Amino acid sequence: MHGVADDVRRTVAKSEAIKAMDAEQAARVHALYFKTHIANRITKTDPGAGPDDPMLAVREALVREVAQKEALMAAEDEQMRRTIEEFKHTVSDEVRRAVAQKEVKAATELEQAQRVTRQRLSAVGEELERTVAQMEALKAMDIEQAQRVQADYFKRMVAGHIATDQELSSANPLLKAVQDQLVAEVSNK
């Protein structure tokens, strides 16, 4: 039953819409015919017609109406043009702002990356300097220790040779003085 009622409602609405469309179309045709007839009549006014001619008044009224409609259409066109221009400016401003924000973000990220890179390079450089200084200090310490060991060994060896050669040193008083000095240095250490 509901389906039938819906079909009836649709059919009635369709019929009413067709009637309204036909009525509007007839009114437009009538208005167009009337305006065309009046326009022909106005353009065919008798040049000898006086100021009391009713067609002259109708013509002036129609000319005023047409001028008003043209002015209204021109105003609407100008308003539309201004609206479009304002919209274009708004959109272009938003685009400029978005581009500027992206550029600022990119510049900030680049600066931050450069700062981090500089800090890391500085830390690596400092660590490298410490490592090189430590290696040089260890090398210098090893060299100094080797020199001390070698000098101490040389002094002991010379002192040992001199001590075994007692008879040689007792014969020469100059060698005895050198032997005493070396023995004193070795015994102080």
C-alpha atoms as a PDB file:
ATOM      1  CA  MET A   1       0.000   0.000   0.000  1.00  0.00           C
ATOM      2  CA  HIS A   2       2.860   2.388   0.846  1.00  0.00           C
ATOM      3  CA  GLY A   3       4.479   1.696  -2.538  1.00  0.00           C
ATOM      4  CA  VAL A   4       1.252   2.541  -4.357  1.00  0.00           C
ATOM      5  CA  ALA A   5       0.846   5.741  -2.338  1.00  0.00           C
ATOM      6  CA  ASP A   6       4.431   6.775  -3.172  1.00  0.00           C
ATOM      7  CA  ASP A   7       3.795   6.084  -6.870  1.00  0.00           C
ATOM      8  CA  VAL A   8       0.605   8.183  -6.780  1.00  0.00           C
ATOM      9  CA  ARG A   9       2.434  11.035  -5.017  1.00  0.00           C
ATOM     10  CA  ARG A  10       5.242  10.937  -7.604  1.00  0.00           C
ATOM     11  CA  THR A  11       2.786  10.914 -10.494  1.00  0.00           C
ATOM     12  CA  VAL A  12       0.823  13.853  -9.045  1.00  0.00           C
ATOM     13  CA  ALA A  13       4.034  15.811  -8.336  1.00  0.00           C
ATOM     14  CA  LYS A  14       5.250  15.103 -11.850  1.00  0.00           C
ATOM     15  CA  SER A  15       1.967  16.261 -13.307  1.00  0.00           C
ATOM     16  CA  GLU A  16       2.007  19.436 -11.199  1.00  0.00           C
ATOM     17  CA  ALA A  17       5.610  20.156 -12.212  1.00  0.00           C
ATOM     18  CA  ILE A  18       4.729  19.752 -15.903  1.00  0.00           C
ATOM     19  CA  LYS A  19       1.728  22.081 -15.491  1.00  0.00           C
ATOM     20  CA  ALA A  20       3.881  24.689 -13.700  1.00  0.00           C
ATOM     21  CA  MET A  21       6.564  24.410 -16.389  1.00  0.00           C
ATOM     22  CA  ASP A  22       3.966  24.839 -19.159  1.00  0.00           C
ATOM     23  CA  ALA A  23       2.454  27.860 -17.377  1.00  0.00           C
ATOM     24  CA  GLU A  24       5.849  29.496 -16.906  1.00  0.00           C
ATOM     25  CA  GLN A  25       6.773  28.852 -20.533  1.00  0.00           C
ATOM     26  CA  ALA A  26       3.455  30.317 -21.722  1.00  0.00           C
ATOM     27  CA  ALA A  27       3.983  33.382 -19.537  1.00  0.00           C
ATOM     28  CA  ARG A  28       7.431  33.886 -20.963  1.00  0.00           C
ATOM     29  CA  VAL A  29       6.205  33.509 -24.542  1.00  0.00           C
ATOM     30  CA  HIS A  30       3.384  35.949 -23.825  1.00  0.00           C
ATOM     31  CA  ALA A  31       5.749  38.445 -22.190  1.00  0.00           C
ATOM     32  CA  LEU A  32       8.193  38.121 -25.071  1.00  0.00           C
ATOM     33  CA  TYR A  33       5.430  38.638 -27.620  1.00  0.00           C
ATOM     34  CA  PHE A  34       4.087  41.592 -25.669  1.00  0.00           C
ATOM     35  CA  LYS A  35       7.523  43.201 -25.321  1.00  0.00           C
ATOM     36  CA  THR A  36       8.303  42.556 -28.991  1.00  0.00           C
ATOM     37  CA  HIS A  37       4.931  44.027 -30.050  1.00  0.00           C
ATOM     38  CA  ILE A  38       5.426  47.059 -27.831  1.00  0.00           C
ATOM     39  CA  ALA A  39       9.042  47.470 -29.018  1.00  0.00           C
ATOM     40  CA  ASN A  40       7.853  47.370 -32.637  1.00  0.00           C
ATOM     41  CA  ARG A  41       5.124  49.809 -31.869  1.00  0.00           C
ATOM     42  CA  ILE A  42       7.535  52.139 -30.066  1.00  0.00           C
ATOM     43  CA  THR A  43      10.033  52.106 -32.886  1.00  0.00           C
ATOM     44  CA  LYS A  44       7.214  52.807 -35.359  1.00  0.00           C
ATOM     45  CA  THR A  45       5.936  55.847 -33.539  1.00  0.00           C
ATOM     46  CA  ASP A  46       4.720  58.561 -35.714  1.00  0.00           C
ATOM     47  CA  PRO A  47       7.344  61.289 -35.966  1.00  0.00           C
ATOM     48  CA  GLY A  48       4.574  63.794 -35.955  1.00  0.00           C
ATOM     49  CA  ALA A  49       3.208  62.513 -32.655  1.00  0.00           C
ATOM     50  CA  GLY A  50       2.923  65.085 -29.943  1.00  0.00           C
ATOM     51  CA  PRO A  51       4.035  65.081 -26.326  1.00  0.00           C
ATOM     52  CA  ASP A  52       0.647  63.670 -25.318  1.00  0.00           C
ATOM     53  CA  ASP A  53       1.208  60.436 -27.275  1.00  0.00           C
ATOM     54  CA  PRO A  54       0.852  57.472 -24.843  1.00  0.00           C
ATOM     55  CA  MET A  55       3.392  55.420 -26.783  1.00  0.00           C
ATOM     56  CA  LEU A  56       6.065  58.027 -26.068  1.00  0.00           C
ATOM     57  CA  ALA A  57       5.519  57.605 -22.316  1.00  0.00           C
ATOM     58  CA  VAL A  58       5.659  53.820 -22.634  1.00  0.00           C
ATOM     59  CA  ARG A  59       8.827  54.097 -24.663  1.00  0.00           C
ATOM     60  CA  GLU A  60      10.485  56.322 -22.051  1.00  0.00           C
ATOM     61  CA  ALA A  61       9.429  53.925 -19.283  1.00  0.00           C
ATOM     62  CA  LEU A  62      10.892  50.972 -21.203  1.00  0.00           C
ATOM     63  CA  VAL A  63      14.104  52.846 -21.939  1.00  0.00           C
ATOM     64  CA  ARG A  64      14.442  53.706 -18.230  1.00  0.00           C
ATOM     65  CA  GLU A  65      13.752  50.077 -17.261  1.00  0.00           C
ATOM     66  CA  VAL A  66      16.337  48.797 -19.756  1.00  0.00           C
ATOM     67  CA  ALA A  67      18.875  51.373 -18.529  1.00  0.00           C
ATOM     68  CA  GLN A  68      18.207  50.390 -14.904  1.00  0.00           C
ATOM     69  CA  LYS A  69      18.619  46.699 -15.752  1.00  0.00           C
ATOM     70  CA  GLU A  70      21.848  47.423 -17.629  1.00  0.00           C
ATOM     71  CA  ALA A  71      23.149  49.486 -14.704  1.00  0.00           C
ATOM     72  CA  LEU A  72      22.162  46.715 -12.270  1.00  0.00           C
ATOM     73  CA  MET A  73      23.890  44.092 -14.430  1.00  0.00           C
ATOM     74  CA  ALA A  74      26.988  46.301 -14.710  1.00  0.00           C
ATOM     75  CA  ALA A  75      27.020  46.760 -10.917  1.00  0.00           C
ATOM     76  CA  GLU A  76      26.662  43.009 -10.383  1.00  0.00           C
ATOM     77  CA  ASP A  77      29.455  42.371 -12.899  1.00  0.00           C
ATOM     78  CA  GLU A  78      31.694  44.898 -11.125  1.00  0.00           C
ATOM     79  CA  GLN A  79      30.887  43.385  -7.739  1.00  0.00           C
ATOM     80  CA  MET A  80      31.661  39.912  -9.097  1.00  0.00           C
ATOM     81  CA  ARG A  81      34.928  41.184 -10.585  1.00  0.00           C
ATOM     82  CA  ARG A  82      35.914  42.758  -7.250  1.00  0.00           C
ATOM     83  CA  THR A  83      34.990  39.589  -5.378  1.00  0.00           C
ATOM     84  CA  ILE A  84      37.095  37.512  -7.745  1.00  0.00           C
ATOM     85  CA  GLU A  85      40.026  39.945  -7.447  1.00  0.00           C
ATOM     86  CA  GLU A  86      39.762  39.901  -3.654  1.00  0.00           C
ATOM     87  CA  PHE A  87      39.650  36.098  -3.704  1.00  0.00           C
ATOM     88  CA  LYS A  88      42.708  35.984  -5.978  1.00  0.00           C
ATOM     89  CA  HIS A  89      44.591  38.332  -3.629  1.00  0.00           C
ATOM     90  CA  THR A  90      43.566  36.261  -0.622  1.00  0.00           C
ATOM     91  CA  VAL A  91      44.683  33.040  -2.293  1.00  0.00           C
ATOM     92  CA  SER A  92      47.955  34.558  -3.488  1.00  0.00           C
ATOM     93  CA  ASP A  93      48.646  35.948   0.007  1.00  0.00           C
ATOM     94  CA  GLU A  94      47.995  32.521   1.512  1.00  0.00           C
ATOM     95  CA  VAL A  95      50.273  30.919  -1.080  1.00  0.00           C
ATOM     96  CA  ARG A  96      53.012  33.469  -0.321  1.00  0.00           C
ATOM     97  CA  ARG A  97      52.641  32.831   3.417  1.00  0.00           C
ATOM     98  CA  ALA A  98      52.769  29.063   2.923  1.00  0.00           C
ATOM     99  CA  VAL A  99      55.877  29.334   0.723  1.00  0.00           C
ATOM    100  CA  ALA A 100      57.545  31.683   3.206  1.00  0.00           C
ATOM    101  CA  GLN A 101      56.760  29.299   6.077  1.00  0.00           C
ATOM    102  CA  LYS A 102      58.246  26.386   4.135  1.00  0.00           C
ATOM    103  CA  GLU A 103      61.367  28.420   3.333  1.00  0.00           C
ATOM    104  CA  VAL A 104      61.766  29.447   6.989  1.00  0.00           C
ATOM    105  CA  LYS A 105      61.307  25.833   8.099  1.00  0.00           C
ATOM    106  CA  ALA A 106      63.866  24.609   5.562  1.00  0.00           C
ATOM    107  CA  ALA A 107      66.345  27.337   6.573  1.00  0.00           C
ATOM    108  CA  THR A 108      65.851  26.500  10.258  1.00  0.00           C
ATOM    109  CA  GLU A 109      66.404  22.799   9.637  1.00  0.00           C
ATOM    110  CA  LEU A 110      69.506  23.540   7.564  1.00  0.00           C
ATOM    111  CA  GLU A 111      70.942  25.850  10.254  1.00  0.00           C
ATOM    112  CA  GLN A 112      70.240  23.254  12.941  1.00  0.00           C
ATOM    113  CA  ALA A 113      71.884  20.503  10.879  1.00  0.00           C
ATOM    114  CA  GLN A 114      74.922  22.723  10.278  1.00  0.00           C
ATOM    115  CA  ARG A 115      75.158  23.528  13.998  1.00  0.00           C
ATOM    116  CA  VAL A 116      74.981  19.823  14.932  1.00  0.00           C
ATOM    117  CA  THR A 117      77.610  19.002  12.300  1.00  0.00           C
ATOM    118  CA  ARG A 118      79.927  21.740  13.605  1.00  0.00           C
ATOM    119  CA  GLN A 119      79.523  20.464  17.175  1.00  0.00           C
ATOM    120  CA  ARG A 120      80.273  16.893  16.118  1.00  0.00           C
ATOM    121  CA  LEU A 121      83.308  17.966  14.081  1.00  0.00           C
ATOM    122  CA  SER A 122      84.553  20.036  17.017  1.00  0.00           C
ATOM    123  CA  ALA A 123      84.151  17.073  19.381  1.00  0.00           C
ATOM    124  CA  VAL A 124      85.960  14.770  16.925  1.00  0.00           C
ATOM    125  CA  GLY A 125      88.747  17.358  16.534  1.00  0.00           C
ATOM    126  CA  GLU A 126      89.172  17.711  20.299  1.00  0.00           C
ATOM    127  CA  GLU A 127      89.253  13.928  20.751  1.00  0.00           C
ATOM    128  CA  LEU A 128      91.805  13.635  17.953  1.00  0.00           C
ATOM    129  CA  GLU A 129      93.997  16.344  19.547  1.00  0.00           C
ATOM    130  CA  ARG A 130      93.825  14.564  22.935  1.00  0.00           C
ATOM    131  CA  THR A 131      94.706  11.210  21.355  1.00  0.00           C
ATOM    132  CA  VAL A 132      97.640  12.667  19.407  1.00  0.00           C
ATOM    133  CA  ALA A 133      98.944  14.512  22.498  1.00  0.00           C
ATOM    134  CA  GLN A 134      98.622  11.361  24.584  1.00  0.00           C
ATOM    135  CA  MET A 135     100.452   9.306  21.965  1.00  0.00           C
ATOM    136  CA  GLU A 136     103.239  11.902  21.728  1.00  0.00           C
ATOM    137  CA  ALA A 137     103.553  12.022  25.531  1.00  0.00           C
ATOM    138  CA  LEU A 138     103.757   8.233  25.711  1.00  0.00           C
ATOM    139  CA  LYS A 139     106.327   8.199  22.924  1.00  0.00           C
ATOM    140  CA  ALA A 140     108.421  10.893  24.638  1.00  0.00           C
ATOM    141  CA  MET A 141     108.183   9.018  27.933  1.00  0.00           C
ATOM    142  CA  ASP A 142     109.291   5.767  26.264  1.00  0.00           C
ATOM    143  CA  ILE A 143     112.225   7.528  24.592  1.00  0.00           C
ATOM    144  CA  GLU A 144     113.291   9.183  27.848  1.00  0.00           C
ATOM    145  CA  GLN A 145     113.039   5.902  29.734  1.00  0.00           C
ATOM    146  CA  ALA A 146     115.037   4.105  27.045  1.00  0.00           C
ATOM    147  CA  GLN A 147     117.690   6.819  27.194  1.00  0.00           C
ATOM    148  CA  ARG A 148     117.905   6.564  30.980  1.00  0.00           C
ATOM    149  CA  VAL A 149     118.152   2.790  30.841  1.00  0.00           C
ATOM    150  CA  GLN A 150     120.791   2.990  28.145  1.00  0.00           C
ATOM    151  CA  ALA A 151     122.784   5.662  29.990  1.00  0.00           C
ATOM    152  CA  ASP A 152     122.538   3.748  33.262  1.00  0.00           C
ATOM    153  CA  TYR A 153     123.597   0.531  31.509  1.00  0.00           C
ATOM    154  CA  PHE A 154     126.502   2.334  29.849  1.00  0.00           C
ATOM    155  CA  LYS A 155     127.633   3.806  33.167  1.00  0.00           C
ATOM    156  CA  ARG A 156     127.456   0.405  34.905  1.00  0.00           C
ATOM    157  CA  MET A 157     129.283  -1.251  32.071  1.00  0.00           C
ATOM    158  CA  VAL A 158     132.021   1.363  32.083  1.00  0.00           C
ATOM    159  CA  ALA A 159     132.227   1.241  35.874  1.00  0.00           C
ATOM    160  CA  GLY A 160     132.454  -2.562  35.717  1.00  0.00           C
ATOM    161  CA  HIS A 161     135.262  -2.433  33.179  1.00  0.00           C
ATOM    162  CA  ILE A 162     137.080   0.154  35.195  1.00  0.00           C
ATOM    163  CA  ALA A 163     136.676  -1.866  38.388  1.00  0.00           C
ATOM    164  CA  THR A 164     138.098  -4.970  36.728  1.00  0.00           C
ATOM    165  CA  ASP A 165     140.938  -2.985  35.350  1.00  0.00           C
ATOM    166  CA  GLN A 166     142.161  -1.862  38.793  1.00  0.00           C
ATOM    167  CA  GLU A 167     145.676  -2.436  37.941  1.00  0.00           C
ATOM    168  CA  LEU A 168     145.374  -0.198  34.866  1.00  0.00           C
ATOM    169  CA  SER A 169     143.779   2.626  36.831  1.00  0.00           C
ATOM    170  CA  SER A 170     146.342   2.449  39.667  1.00  0.00           C
ATOM    171  CA  ALA A 171     149.098   2.987  37.157  1.00  0.00           C
ATOM    172  CA  ASN A 172     147.490   6.129  35.655  1.00  0.00           C
ATOM    173  CA  PRO A 173     146.194   8.733  38.153  1.00  0.00           C
ATOM    174  CA  LEU A 174     144.007  10.425  35.442  1.00  0.00           C
ATOM    175  CA  LEU A 175     142.092   7.181  34.842  1.00  0.00           C
ATOM    176  CA  LYS A 176     141.661   6.780  38.592  1.00  0.00           C
ATOM    177  CA  ALA A 177     139.837  10.155  38.762  1.00  0.00           C
ATOM    178  CA  VAL A 178     137.437   9.192  35.924  1.00  0.00           C
ATOM    179  CA  GLN A 179     136.810   5.812  37.584  1.00  0.00           C
ATOM    180  CA  ASP A 180     135.984   7.451  40.914  1.00  0.00           C
ATOM    181  CA  GLN A 181     133.577   9.897  39.284  1.00  0.00           C
ATOM    182  CA  LEU A 182     131.704   7.125  37.397  1.00  0.00           C
ATOM    183  CA  VAL A 183     131.512   4.939  40.506  1.00  0.00           C
ATOM    184  CA  ALA A 184     130.124   7.870  42.480  1.00  0.00           C
ATOM    185  CA  GLU A 185     127.418   8.543  39.837  1.00  0.00           C
ATOM    186  CA  VAL A 186     126.376   4.876  39.660  1.00  0.00           C
ATOM    187  CA  SER A 187     126.256   4.514  43.431  1.00  0.00           C
ATOM    188  CA  ASN A 188     124.115   7.684  43.850  1.00  0.00           C
ATOM    189  CA  LYS A 189     121.383   6.175  41.712  1.00  0.00           C
END
